[in-house]
Amino acid sequence: MSETQGEVRVRSVRTQRSGNLVESVVGFGSGIVRMGISVATLPFALLPGVSRQHLENATKEVLYAFAGLPGDLAKAASTVIEEWAAKADGDGAAKTAPKDELAVK
């Protein structure tokens, strides 16, 4: 046994680099956010395993839907813009401004 008598191993703890106010505020804010998330997810941790798994899967599906929404909107907009551009190219009148009926002659 190579350990000496009375020696205690400790885990390394991150020390604060400086007394910067911004770092202190960020550290405090992140601690508050972590505590809030822990309190908010506590009821989910108390659920049975199967129900918790169903809830996690449903949450993932909702997040995937929100993540895919901008791409789907971009595809729809691209289709509409291409149709509009094709109609404008085929119709000569679409390139000119409409007649202004309120203009003074």
PDB file of N, CA and C in Angstrom:
ATOM      1  N   MET A   1       0.825  -1.156   0.000  1.00  0.00           N
ATOM      2  CA  MET A   1       0.000   0.000   0.000  1.00  0.00           C
ATOM      3  C   MET A   1       0.882   1.235   0.000  1.00  0.00           C
ATOM      4  N   SER A   2       0.743   2.021  -1.027  1.00  0.00           N
ATOM      5  CA  SER A   2       1.623   3.166  -1.177  1.00  0.00           C
ATOM      6  C   SER A   2       1.065   4.449  -0.571  1.00  0.00           C
ATOM      7  N   GLU A   3      -0.166   4.431  -0.076  1.00  0.00           N
ATOM      8  CA  GLU A   3      -0.734   5.641   0.518  1.00  0.00           C
ATOM      9  C   GLU A   3      -0.141   5.857   1.899  1.00  0.00           C
ATOM     10  N   THR A   4       0.129   7.123   2.193  1.00  0.00           N
ATOM     11  CA  THR A   4       0.664   7.439   3.508  1.00  0.00           C
ATOM     12  C   THR A   4      -0.469   7.648   4.487  1.00  0.00           C
ATOM     13  N   GLN A   5      -0.161   7.428   5.743  1.00  0.00           N
ATOM     14  CA  GLN A   5      -1.157   7.553   6.797  1.00  0.00           C
ATOM     15  C   GLN A   5      -1.568   9.017   6.971  1.00  0.00           C
ATOM     16  N   GLY A   6      -2.877   9.289   7.011  1.00  0.00           N
ATOM     17  CA  GLY A   6      -3.371  10.639   7.272  1.00  0.00           C
ATOM     18  C   GLY A   6      -3.550  11.487   6.020  1.00  0.00           C
ATOM     19  N   GLU A   7      -3.191  10.979   4.852  1.00  0.00           N
ATOM     20  CA  GLU A   7      -3.349  11.739   3.617  1.00  0.00           C
ATOM     21  C   GLU A   7      -4.760  11.534   3.070  1.00  0.00           C
ATOM     22  N   VAL A   8      -5.394  12.621   2.702  1.00  0.00           N
ATOM     23  CA  VAL A   8      -6.763  12.558   2.213  1.00  0.00           C
ATOM     24  C   VAL A   8      -6.792  13.068   0.781  1.00  0.00           C
ATOM     25  N   ARG A   9      -7.416  12.299  -0.092  1.00  0.00           N
ATOM     26  CA  ARG A   9      -7.549  12.742  -1.487  1.00  0.00           C
ATOM     27  C   ARG A   9      -8.750  13.666  -1.594  1.00  0.00           C
ATOM     28  N   VAL A  10      -8.582  14.743  -2.318  1.00  0.00           N
ATOM     29  CA  VAL A  10      -9.687  15.673  -2.561  1.00  0.00           C
ATOM     30  C   VAL A  10      -9.846  15.838  -4.058  1.00  0.00           C
ATOM     31  N   ARG A  11     -11.064  16.105  -4.462  1.00  0.00           N
ATOM     32  CA  ARG A  11     -11.267  16.338  -5.889  1.00  0.00           C
ATOM     33  C   ARG A  11     -10.928  17.780  -6.205  1.00  0.00           C
ATOM     34  N   SER A  12     -10.542  18.003  -7.431  1.00  0.00           N
ATOM     35  CA  SER A  12     -10.162  19.351  -7.824  1.00  0.00           C
ATOM     36  C   SER A  12     -11.419  20.207  -7.955  1.00  0.00           C
ATOM     37  N   VAL A  13     -11.335  21.396  -7.436  1.00  0.00           N
ATOM     38  CA  VAL A  13     -12.446  22.341  -7.468  1.00  0.00           C
ATOM     39  C   VAL A  13     -11.996  23.557  -8.251  1.00  0.00           C
ATOM     40  N   ARG A  14     -12.854  23.986  -9.170  1.00  0.00           N
ATOM     41  CA  ARG A  14     -12.522  25.169  -9.955  1.00  0.00           C
ATOM     42  C   ARG A  14     -12.538  26.395  -9.060  1.00  0.00           C
ATOM     43  N   THR A  15     -11.472  27.124  -9.085  1.00  0.00           N
ATOM     44  CA  THR A  15     -11.413  28.341  -8.293  1.00  0.00           C
ATOM     45  C   THR A  15     -11.754  29.533  -9.167  1.00  0.00           C
ATOM     46  N   GLN A  16     -12.188  30.590  -8.536  1.00  0.00           N
ATOM     47  CA  GLN A  16     -12.525  31.794  -9.281  1.00  0.00           C
ATOM     48  C   GLN A  16     -11.225  32.422  -9.772  1.00  0.00           C
ATOM     49  N   ARG A  17     -11.206  32.804 -11.057  1.00  0.00           N
ATOM     50  CA  ARG A  17      -9.983  33.327 -11.640  1.00  0.00           C
ATOM     51  C   ARG A  17      -9.659  34.719 -11.148  1.00  0.00           C
ATOM     52  N   SER A  18     -10.653  35.528 -10.968  1.00  0.00           N
ATOM     53  CA  SER A  18     -10.421  36.887 -10.504  1.00  0.00           C
ATOM     54  C   SER A  18     -11.678  37.375  -9.802  1.00  0.00           C
ATOM     55  N   GLY A  19     -11.605  38.570  -9.285  1.00  0.00           N
ATOM     56  CA  GLY A  19     -12.753  39.147  -8.593  1.00  0.00           C
ATOM     57  C   GLY A  19     -13.637  39.947  -9.533  1.00  0.00           C
ATOM     58  N   ASN A  20     -13.684  39.562 -10.800  1.00  0.00           N
ATOM     59  CA  ASN A  20     -14.446  40.291 -11.803  1.00  0.00           C
ATOM     60  C   ASN A  20     -15.940  40.198 -11.492  1.00  0.00           C
ATOM     61  N   LEU A  21     -16.614  41.321 -11.501  1.00  0.00           N
ATOM     62  CA  LEU A  21     -18.035  41.363 -11.194  1.00  0.00           C
ATOM     63  C   LEU A  21     -18.851  40.609 -12.233  1.00  0.00           C
ATOM     64  N   VAL A  22     -18.480  40.721 -13.494  1.00  0.00           N
ATOM     65  CA  VAL A  22     -19.232  40.053 -14.557  1.00  0.00           C
ATOM     66  C   VAL A  22     -19.168  38.535 -14.375  1.00  0.00           C
ATOM     67  N   GLU A  23     -17.984  38.009 -14.058  1.00  0.00           N
ATOM     68  CA  GLU A  23     -17.854  36.571 -13.835  1.00  0.00           C
ATOM     69  C   GLU A  23     -18.689  36.123 -12.645  1.00  0.00           C
ATOM     70  N   SER A  24     -18.714  36.945 -11.606  1.00  0.00           N
ATOM     71  CA  SER A  24     -19.515  36.607 -10.428  1.00  0.00           C
ATOM     72  C   SER A  24     -20.996  36.579 -10.759  1.00  0.00           C
ATOM     73  N   VAL A  25     -21.455  37.556 -11.536  1.00  0.00           N
ATOM     74  CA  VAL A  25     -22.868  37.622 -11.914  1.00  0.00           C
ATOM     75  C   VAL A  25     -23.231  36.442 -12.810  1.00  0.00           C
ATOM     76  N   VAL A  26     -22.361  36.108 -13.753  1.00  0.00           N
ATOM     77  CA  VAL A  26     -22.616  34.971 -14.639  1.00  0.00           C
ATOM     78  C   VAL A  26     -22.651  33.669 -13.843  1.00  0.00           C
ATOM     79  N   GLY A  27     -21.731  33.506 -12.917  1.00  0.00           N
ATOM     80  CA  GLY A  27     -21.724  32.305 -12.083  1.00  0.00           C
ATOM     81  C   GLY A  27     -22.977  32.204 -11.228  1.00  0.00           C
ATOM     82  N   PHE A  28     -23.394  33.308 -10.645  1.00  0.00           N
ATOM     83  CA  PHE A  28     -24.610  33.321  -9.838  1.00  0.00           C
ATOM     84  C   PHE A  28     -25.831  33.032 -10.701  1.00  0.00           C
ATOM     85  N   GLY A  29     -25.903  33.666 -11.873  1.00  0.00           N
ATOM     86  CA  GLY A  29     -27.037  33.458 -12.785  1.00  0.00           C
ATOM     87  C   GLY A  29     -27.121  32.024 -13.262  1.00  0.00           C
ATOM     88  N   SER A  30     -25.989  31.419 -13.589  1.00  0.00           N
ATOM     89  CA  SER A  30     -26.019  30.034 -14.056  1.00  0.00           C
ATOM     90  C   SER A  30     -26.442  29.097 -12.930  1.00  0.00           C
ATOM     91  N   GLY A  31     -26.044  29.406 -11.694  1.00  0.00           N
ATOM     92  CA  GLY A  31     -26.489  28.602 -10.552  1.00  0.00           C
ATOM     93  C   GLY A  31     -27.989  28.698 -10.350  1.00  0.00           C
ATOM     94  N   ILE A  32     -28.530  29.895 -10.498  1.00  0.00           N
ATOM     95  CA  ILE A  32     -29.978  30.096 -10.368  1.00  0.00           C
ATOM     96  C   ILE A  32     -30.716  29.330 -11.464  1.00  0.00           C
ATOM     97  N   VAL A  33     -30.199  29.397 -12.698  1.00  0.00           N
ATOM     98  CA  VAL A  33     -30.846  28.692 -13.815  1.00  0.00           C
ATOM     99  C   VAL A  33     -30.816  27.185 -13.580  1.00  0.00           C
ATOM    100  N   ARG A  34     -29.662  26.655 -13.140  1.00  0.00           N
ATOM    101  CA  ARG A  34     -29.574  25.225 -12.863  1.00  0.00           C
ATOM    102  C   ARG A  34     -30.535  24.805 -11.759  1.00  0.00           C
ATOM    103  N   MET A  35     -30.651  25.627 -10.727  1.00  0.00           N
ATOM    104  CA  MET A  35     -31.568  25.297  -9.645  1.00  0.00           C
ATOM    105  C   MET A  35     -33.019  25.343 -10.144  1.00  0.00           C
ATOM    106  N   GLY A  36     -33.344  26.335 -10.977  1.00  0.00           N
ATOM    107  CA  GLY A  36     -34.691  26.429 -11.533  1.00  0.00           C
ATOM    108  C   GLY A  36     -35.035  25.229 -12.394  1.00  0.00           C
ATOM    109  N   ILE A  37     -34.086  24.797 -13.201  1.00  0.00           N
ATOM    110  CA  ILE A  37     -34.318  23.619 -14.045  1.00  0.00           C
ATOM    111  C   ILE A  37     -34.511  22.378 -13.173  1.00  0.00           C
ATOM    112  N   SER A  38     -33.714  22.261 -12.125  1.00  0.00           N
ATOM    113  CA  SER A  38     -33.854  21.111 -11.231  1.00  0.00           C
ATOM    114  C   SER A  38     -35.222  21.098 -10.557  1.00  0.00           C
ATOM    115  N   VAL A  39     -35.678  22.258 -10.108  1.00  0.00           N
ATOM    116  CA  VAL A  39     -36.990  22.331  -9.457  1.00  0.00           C
ATOM    117  C   VAL A  39     -38.095  22.042 -10.466  1.00  0.00           C
ATOM    118  N   ALA A  40     -37.945  22.554 -11.691  1.00  0.00           N
ATOM    119  CA  ALA A  40     -38.977  22.351 -12.715  1.00  0.00           C
ATOM    120  C   ALA A  40     -39.057  20.892 -13.151  1.00  0.00           C
ATOM    121  N   THR A  41     -37.932  20.202 -13.174  1.00  0.00           N
ATOM    122  CA  THR A  41     -37.934  18.810 -13.634  1.00  0.00           C
ATOM    123  C   THR A  41     -38.129  17.799 -12.508  1.00  0.00           C
ATOM    124  N   LEU A  42     -38.222  18.259 -11.277  1.00  0.00           N
ATOM    125  CA  LEU A  42     -38.412  17.349 -10.155  1.00  0.00           C
ATOM    126  C   LEU A  42     -39.668  16.492 -10.286  1.00  0.00           C
ATOM    127  N   PRO A  43     -40.824  17.058 -10.674  1.00  0.00           N
ATOM    128  CA  PRO A  43     -42.005  16.192 -10.830  1.00  0.00           C
ATOM    129  C   PRO A  43     -41.812  15.101 -11.882  1.00  0.00           C
ATOM    130  N   PHE A  44     -41.032  15.388 -12.919  1.00  0.00           N
ATOM    131  CA  PHE A  44     -40.793  14.381 -13.948  1.00  0.00           C
ATOM    132  C   PHE A  44     -39.914  13.254 -13.411  1.00  0.00           C
ATOM    133  N   ALA A  45     -39.004  13.576 -12.508  1.00  0.00           N
ATOM    134  CA  ALA A  45     -38.127  12.564 -11.925  1.00  0.00           C
ATOM    135  C   ALA A  45     -38.916  11.624 -11.021  1.00  0.00           C
ATOM    136  N   LEU A  46     -40.042  12.083 -10.504  1.00  0.00           N
ATOM    137  CA  LEU A  46     -40.850  11.262  -9.614  1.00  0.00           C
ATOM    138  C   LEU A  46     -41.791  10.319 -10.359  1.00  0.00           C
ATOM    139  N   LEU A  47     -41.914  10.506 -11.678  1.00  0.00           N
ATOM    140  CA  LEU A  47     -42.790   9.646 -12.473  1.00  0.00           C
ATOM    141  C   LEU A  47     -42.210   8.235 -12.584  1.00  0.00           C
ATOM    142  N   PRO A  48     -43.068   7.249 -12.848  1.00  0.00           N
ATOM    143  CA  PRO A  48     -42.542   5.905 -13.136  1.00  0.00           C
ATOM    144  C   PRO A  48     -41.685   5.924 -14.403  1.00  0.00           C
ATOM    145  N   GLY A  49     -40.816   4.952 -14.523  1.00  0.00           N
ATOM    146  CA  GLY A  49     -39.854   4.931 -15.634  1.00  0.00           C
ATOM    147  C   GLY A  49     -40.488   4.972 -17.007  1.00  0.00           C
ATOM    148  N   VAL A  50     -41.554   4.199 -17.225  1.00  0.00           N
ATOM    149  CA  VAL A  50     -42.187   4.140 -18.548  1.00  0.00           C
ATOM    150  C   VAL A  50     -42.828   5.480 -18.894  1.00  0.00           C
ATOM    151  N   SER A  51     -43.522   6.081 -17.928  1.00  0.00           N
ATOM    152  CA  SER A  51     -44.157   7.376 -18.179  1.00  0.00           C
ATOM    153  C   SER A  51     -43.113   8.450 -18.444  1.00  0.00           C
ATOM    154  N   ARG A  52     -42.012   8.396 -17.704  1.00  0.00           N
ATOM    155  CA  ARG A  52     -40.939   9.370 -17.908  1.00  0.00           C
ATOM    156  C   ARG A  52     -40.339   9.227 -19.307  1.00  0.00           C
ATOM    157  N   GLN A  53     -40.179   7.988 -19.776  1.00  0.00           N
ATOM    158  CA  GLN A  53     -39.640   7.756 -21.119  1.00  0.00           C
ATOM    159  C   GLN A  53     -40.590   8.286 -22.185  1.00  0.00           C
ATOM    160  N   HIS A  54     -41.902   8.071 -21.997  1.00  0.00           N
ATOM    161  CA  HIS A  54     -42.880   8.605 -22.948  1.00  0.00           C
ATOM    162  C   HIS A  54     -42.829  10.131 -22.986  1.00  0.00           C
ATOM    163  N   LEU A  55     -42.703  10.741 -21.821  1.00  0.00           N
ATOM    164  CA  LEU A  55     -42.635  12.202 -21.744  1.00  0.00           C
ATOM    165  C   LEU A  55     -41.367  12.723 -22.420  1.00  0.00           C
ATOM    166  N   GLU A  56     -40.240  12.045 -22.215  1.00  0.00           N
ATOM    167  CA  GLU A  56     -38.990  12.458 -22.862  1.00  0.00           C
ATOM    168  C   GLU A  56     -39.097  12.335 -24.376  1.00  0.00           C
ATOM    169  N   ASN A  57     -39.701  11.243 -24.859  1.00  0.00           N
ATOM    170  CA  ASN A  57     -39.871  11.069 -26.307  1.00  0.00           C
ATOM    171  C   ASN A  57     -40.780  12.139 -26.893  1.00  0.00           C
ATOM    172  N   ALA A  58     -41.860  12.463 -26.190  1.00  0.00           N
ATOM    173  CA  ALA A  58     -42.772  13.503 -26.675  1.00  0.00           C
ATOM    174  C   ALA A  58     -42.072  14.853 -26.706  1.00  0.00           C
ATOM    175  N   THR A  59     -41.274  15.139 -25.692  1.00  0.00           N
ATOM    176  CA  THR A  59     -40.536  16.408 -25.657  1.00  0.00           C
ATOM    177  C   THR A  59     -39.547  16.488 -26.813  1.00  0.00           C
ATOM    178  N   LYS A  60     -38.856  15.385 -27.094  1.00  0.00           N
ATOM    179  CA  LYS A  60     -37.915  15.369 -28.220  1.00  0.00           C
ATOM    180  C   LYS A  60     -38.639  15.624 -29.539  1.00  0.00           C
ATOM    181  N   GLU A  61     -39.792  14.997 -29.715  1.00  0.00           N
ATOM    182  CA  GLU A  61     -40.554  15.186 -30.957  1.00  0.00           C
ATOM    183  C   GLU A  61     -40.988  16.642 -31.124  1.00  0.00           C
ATOM    184  N   VAL A  62     -41.415  17.272 -30.034  1.00  0.00           N
ATOM    185  CA  VAL A  62     -41.822  18.683 -30.107  1.00  0.00           C
ATOM    186  C   VAL A  62     -40.621  19.552 -30.455  1.00  0.00           C
ATOM    187  N   LEU A  63     -39.474  19.280 -29.841  1.00  0.00           N
ATOM    188  CA  LEU A  63     -38.277  20.067 -30.141  1.00  0.00           C
ATOM    189  C   LEU A  63     -37.813  19.851 -31.578  1.00  0.00           C
ATOM    190  N   TYR A  64     -37.910  18.606 -32.071  1.00  0.00           N
ATOM    191  CA  TYR A  64     -37.550  18.349 -33.471  1.00  0.00           C
ATOM    192  C   TYR A  64     -38.493  19.096 -34.415  1.00  0.00           C
ATOM    193  N   ALA A  65     -39.772  19.164 -34.049  1.00  0.00           N
ATOM    194  CA  ALA A  65     -40.734  19.888 -34.881  1.00  0.00           C
ATOM    195  C   ALA A  65     -40.383  21.372 -34.935  1.00  0.00           C
ATOM    196  N   PHE A  66     -40.063  21.955 -33.775  1.00  0.00           N
ATOM    197  CA  PHE A  66     -39.690  23.367 -33.765  1.00  0.00           C
ATOM    198  C   PHE A  66     -38.378  23.594 -34.509  1.00  0.00           C
ATOM    199  N   ALA A  67     -37.441  22.658 -34.406  1.00  0.00           N
ATOM    200  CA  ALA A  67     -36.165  22.804 -35.102  1.00  0.00           C
ATOM    201  C   ALA A  67     -36.346  22.696 -36.609  1.00  0.00           C
ATOM    202  N   GLY A  68     -37.281  21.861 -37.070  1.00  0.00           N
ATOM    203  CA  GLY A  68     -37.502  21.678 -38.500  1.00  0.00           C
ATOM    204  C   GLY A  68     -38.414  22.722 -39.119  1.00  0.00           C
ATOM    205  N   LEU A  69     -39.100  23.507 -38.288  1.00  0.00           N
ATOM    206  CA  LEU A  69     -40.062  24.484 -38.791  1.00  0.00           C
ATOM    207  C   LEU A  69     -39.440  25.527 -39.713  1.00  0.00           C
ATOM    208  N   PRO A  70     -38.303  26.147 -39.379  1.00  0.00           N
ATOM    209  CA  PRO A  70     -37.722  27.133 -40.305  1.00  0.00           C
ATOM    210  C   PRO A  70     -37.379  26.546 -41.668  1.00  0.00           C
ATOM    211  N   GLY A  71     -36.878  25.318 -41.693  1.00  0.00           N
ATOM    212  CA  GLY A  71     -36.557  24.680 -42.975  1.00  0.00           C
ATOM    213  C   GLY A  71     -37.796  24.424 -43.809  1.00  0.00           C
ATOM    214  N   ASP A  72     -38.869  23.971 -43.161  1.00  0.00           N
ATOM    215  CA  ASP A  72     -40.127  23.737 -43.882  1.00  0.00           C
ATOM    216  C   ASP A  72     -40.712  25.036 -44.418  1.00  0.00           C
ATOM    217  N   LEU A  73     -40.644  26.098 -43.609  1.00  0.00           N
ATOM    218  CA  LEU A  73     -41.133  27.403 -44.074  1.00  0.00           C
ATOM    219  C   LEU A  73     -40.296  27.913 -45.240  1.00  0.00           C
ATOM    220  N   ALA A  74     -38.991  27.691 -45.190  1.00  0.00           N
ATOM    221  CA  ALA A  74     -38.116  28.129 -46.284  1.00  0.00           C
ATOM    222  C   ALA A  74     -38.435  27.375 -47.569  1.00  0.00           C
ATOM    223  N   LYS A  75     -38.713  26.077 -47.464  1.00  0.00           N
ATOM    224  CA  LYS A  75     -39.082  25.295 -48.654  1.00  0.00           C
ATOM    225  C   LYS A  75     -40.394  25.791 -49.248  1.00  0.00           C
ATOM    226  N   ALA A  76     -41.380  26.063 -48.394  1.00  0.00           N
ATOM    227  CA  ALA A  76     -42.672  26.559 -48.879  1.00  0.00           C
ATOM    228  C   ALA A  76     -42.513  27.922 -49.530  1.00  0.00           C
ATOM    229  N   ALA A  77     -41.718  28.800 -48.901  1.00  0.00           N
ATOM    230  CA  ALA A  77     -41.499  30.130 -49.468  1.00  0.00           C
ATOM    231  C   ALA A  77     -40.754  30.031 -50.792  1.00  0.00           C
ATOM    232  N   SER A  78     -39.793  29.129 -50.882  1.00  0.00           N
ATOM    233  CA  SER A  78     -39.038  28.955 -52.115  1.00  0.00           C
ATOM    234  C   SER A  78     -39.951  28.519 -53.258  1.00  0.00           C
ATOM    235  N   THR A  79     -40.866  27.599 -52.977  1.00  0.00           N
ATOM    236  CA  THR A  79     -41.804  27.135 -54.001  1.00  0.00           C
ATOM    237  C   THR A  79     -42.694  28.267 -54.483  1.00  0.00           C
ATOM    238  N   VAL A  80     -43.219  29.058 -53.554  1.00  0.00           N
ATOM    239  CA  VAL A  80     -44.102  30.172 -53.913  1.00  0.00           C
ATOM    240  C   VAL A  80     -43.330  31.223 -54.712  1.00  0.00           C
ATOM    241  N   ILE A  81     -42.105  31.513 -54.311  1.00  0.00           N
ATOM    242  CA  ILE A  81     -41.302  32.523 -55.022  1.00  0.00           C
ATOM    243  C   ILE A  81     -40.972  32.042 -56.424  1.00  0.00           C
ATOM    244  N   GLU A  82     -40.643  30.759 -56.583  1.00  0.00           N
ATOM    245  CA  GLU A  82     -40.343  30.225 -57.919  1.00  0.00           C
ATOM    246  C   GLU A  82     -41.574  30.282 -58.820  1.00  0.00           C
ATOM    247  N   GLU A  83     -42.758  29.966 -58.268  1.00  0.00           N
ATOM    248  CA  GLU A  83     -43.991  30.072 -59.056  1.00  0.00           C
ATOM    249  C   GLU A  83     -44.253  31.522 -59.459  1.00  0.00           C
ATOM    250  N   TRP A  84     -44.044  32.452 -58.537  1.00  0.00           N
ATOM    251  CA  TRP A  84     -44.259  33.872 -58.815  1.00  0.00           C
ATOM    252  C   TRP A  84     -43.280  34.366 -59.889  1.00  0.00           C
ATOM    253  N   ALA A  85     -42.016  33.928 -59.791  1.00  0.00           N
ATOM    254  CA  ALA A  85     -41.011  34.340 -60.772  1.00  0.00           C
ATOM    255  C   ALA A  85     -41.331  33.752 -62.145  1.00  0.00           C
ATOM    256  N   ALA A  86     -41.804  32.505 -62.197  1.00  0.00           N
ATOM    257  CA  ALA A  86     -42.146  31.888 -63.476  1.00  0.00           C
ATOM    258  C   ALA A  86     -43.337  32.607 -64.110  1.00  0.00           C
ATOM    259  N   LYS A  87     -44.309  33.004 -63.297  1.00  0.00           N
ATOM    260  CA  LYS A  87     -45.464  33.728 -63.826  1.00  0.00           C
ATOM    261  C   LYS A  87     -45.048  35.113 -64.317  1.00  0.00           C
ATOM    262  N   ALA A  88     -44.126  35.754 -63.628  1.00  0.00           N
ATOM    263  CA  ALA A  88     -43.665  37.080 -64.035  1.00  0.00           C
ATOM    264  C   ALA A  88     -42.852  37.003 -65.323  1.00  0.00           C
ATOM    265  N   ASP A  89     -42.085  35.933 -65.519  1.00  0.00           N
ATOM    266  CA  ASP A  89     -41.285  35.770 -66.732  1.00  0.00           C
ATOM    267  C   ASP A  89     -42.174  35.491 -67.940  1.00  0.00           C
ATOM    268  N   GLY A  90     -43.244  34.767 -67.766  1.00  0.00           N
ATOM    269  CA  GLY A  90     -44.117  34.397 -68.874  1.00  0.00           C
ATOM    270  C   GLY A  90     -45.096  35.502 -69.248  1.00  0.00           C
ATOM    271  N   ASP A  91     -45.376  36.425 -68.348  1.00  0.00           N
ATOM    272  CA  ASP A  91     -46.366  37.476 -68.587  1.00  0.00           C
ATOM    273  C   ASP A  91     -45.644  38.812 -68.728  1.00  0.00           C
ATOM    274  N   GLY A  92     -45.697  39.418 -69.930  1.00  0.00           N
ATOM    275  CA  GLY A  92     -45.022  40.690 -70.175  1.00  0.00           C
ATOM    276  C   GLY A  92     -45.625  41.833 -69.386  1.00  0.00           C
ATOM    277  N   ALA A  93     -46.907  41.788 -69.120  1.00  0.00           N
ATOM    278  CA  ALA A  93     -47.562  42.877 -68.398  1.00  0.00           C
ATOM    279  C   ALA A  93     -47.157  42.891 -66.928  1.00  0.00           C
ATOM    280  N   ALA A  94     -46.720  41.770 -66.408  1.00  0.00           N
ATOM    281  CA  ALA A  94     -46.352  41.711 -65.003  1.00  0.00           C
ATOM    282  C   ALA A  94     -45.078  42.496 -64.724  1.00  0.00           C
ATOM    283  N   LYS A  95     -44.255  42.771 -65.764  1.00  0.00           N
ATOM    284  CA  LYS A  95     -43.011  43.500 -65.569  1.00  0.00           C
ATOM    285  C   LYS A  95     -43.226  45.005 -65.526  1.00  0.00           C
ATOM    286  N   THR A  96     -44.358  45.469 -66.014  1.00  0.00           N
ATOM    287  CA  THR A  96     -44.625  46.906 -66.017  1.00  0.00           C
ATOM    288  C   THR A  96     -45.524  47.254 -64.840  1.00  0.00           C
ATOM    289  N   ALA A  97     -45.426  48.490 -64.421  1.00  0.00           N
ATOM    290  CA  ALA A  97     -46.251  48.950 -63.309  1.00  0.00           C
ATOM    291  C   ALA A  97     -47.694  49.093 -63.773  1.00  0.00           C
ATOM    292  N   PRO A  98     -48.645  48.880 -62.875  1.00  0.00           N
ATOM    293  CA  PRO A  98     -50.037  49.049 -63.260  1.00  0.00           C
ATOM    294  C   PRO A  98     -50.347  50.537 -63.527  1.00  0.00           C
ATOM    295  N   LYS A  99     -51.379  50.781 -64.294  1.00  0.00           N
ATOM    296  CA  LYS A  99     -51.782  52.148 -64.628  1.00  0.00           C
ATOM    297  C   LYS A  99     -52.283  52.831 -63.356  1.00  0.00           C
ATOM    298  N   ASP A 100     -51.777  54.033 -63.134  1.00  0.00           N
ATOM    299  CA  ASP A 100     -52.173  54.801 -61.959  1.00  0.00           C
ATOM    300  C   ASP A 100     -53.389  55.645 -62.326  1.00  0.00           C
ATOM    301  N   GLU A 101     -54.545  55.248 -61.833  1.00  0.00           N
ATOM    302  CA  GLU A 101     -55.787  55.915 -62.172  1.00  0.00           C
ATOM    303  C   GLU A 101     -55.965  57.220 -61.425  1.00  0.00           C
ATOM    304  N   LEU A 102     -55.206  57.461 -60.380  1.00  0.00           N
ATOM    305  CA  LEU A 102     -55.334  58.685 -59.600  1.00  0.00           C
ATOM    306  C   LEU A 102     -54.365  59.784 -60.036  1.00  0.00           C
ATOM    307  N   ALA A 103     -53.505  59.448 -61.001  1.00  0.00           N
ATOM    308  CA  ALA A 103     -52.527  60.446 -61.445  1.00  0.00           C
ATOM    309  C   ALA A 103     -53.218  61.597 -62.158  1.00  0.00           C
ATOM    310  N   VAL A 104     -52.698  62.803 -61.959  1.00  0.00           N
ATOM    311  CA  VAL A 104     -53.256  64.005 -62.598  1.00  0.00           C
ATOM    312  C   VAL A 104     -52.725  64.067 -64.026  1.00  0.00           C
ATOM    313  N   LYS A 105     -53.676  64.317 -64.977  1.00  0.00           N
ATOM    314  CA  LYS A 105     -53.291  64.375 -66.378  1.00  0.00           C
ATOM    315  C   LYS A 105     -53.030  65.772 -66.842  1.00  0.00           C
TER     316      LYS A 105
END
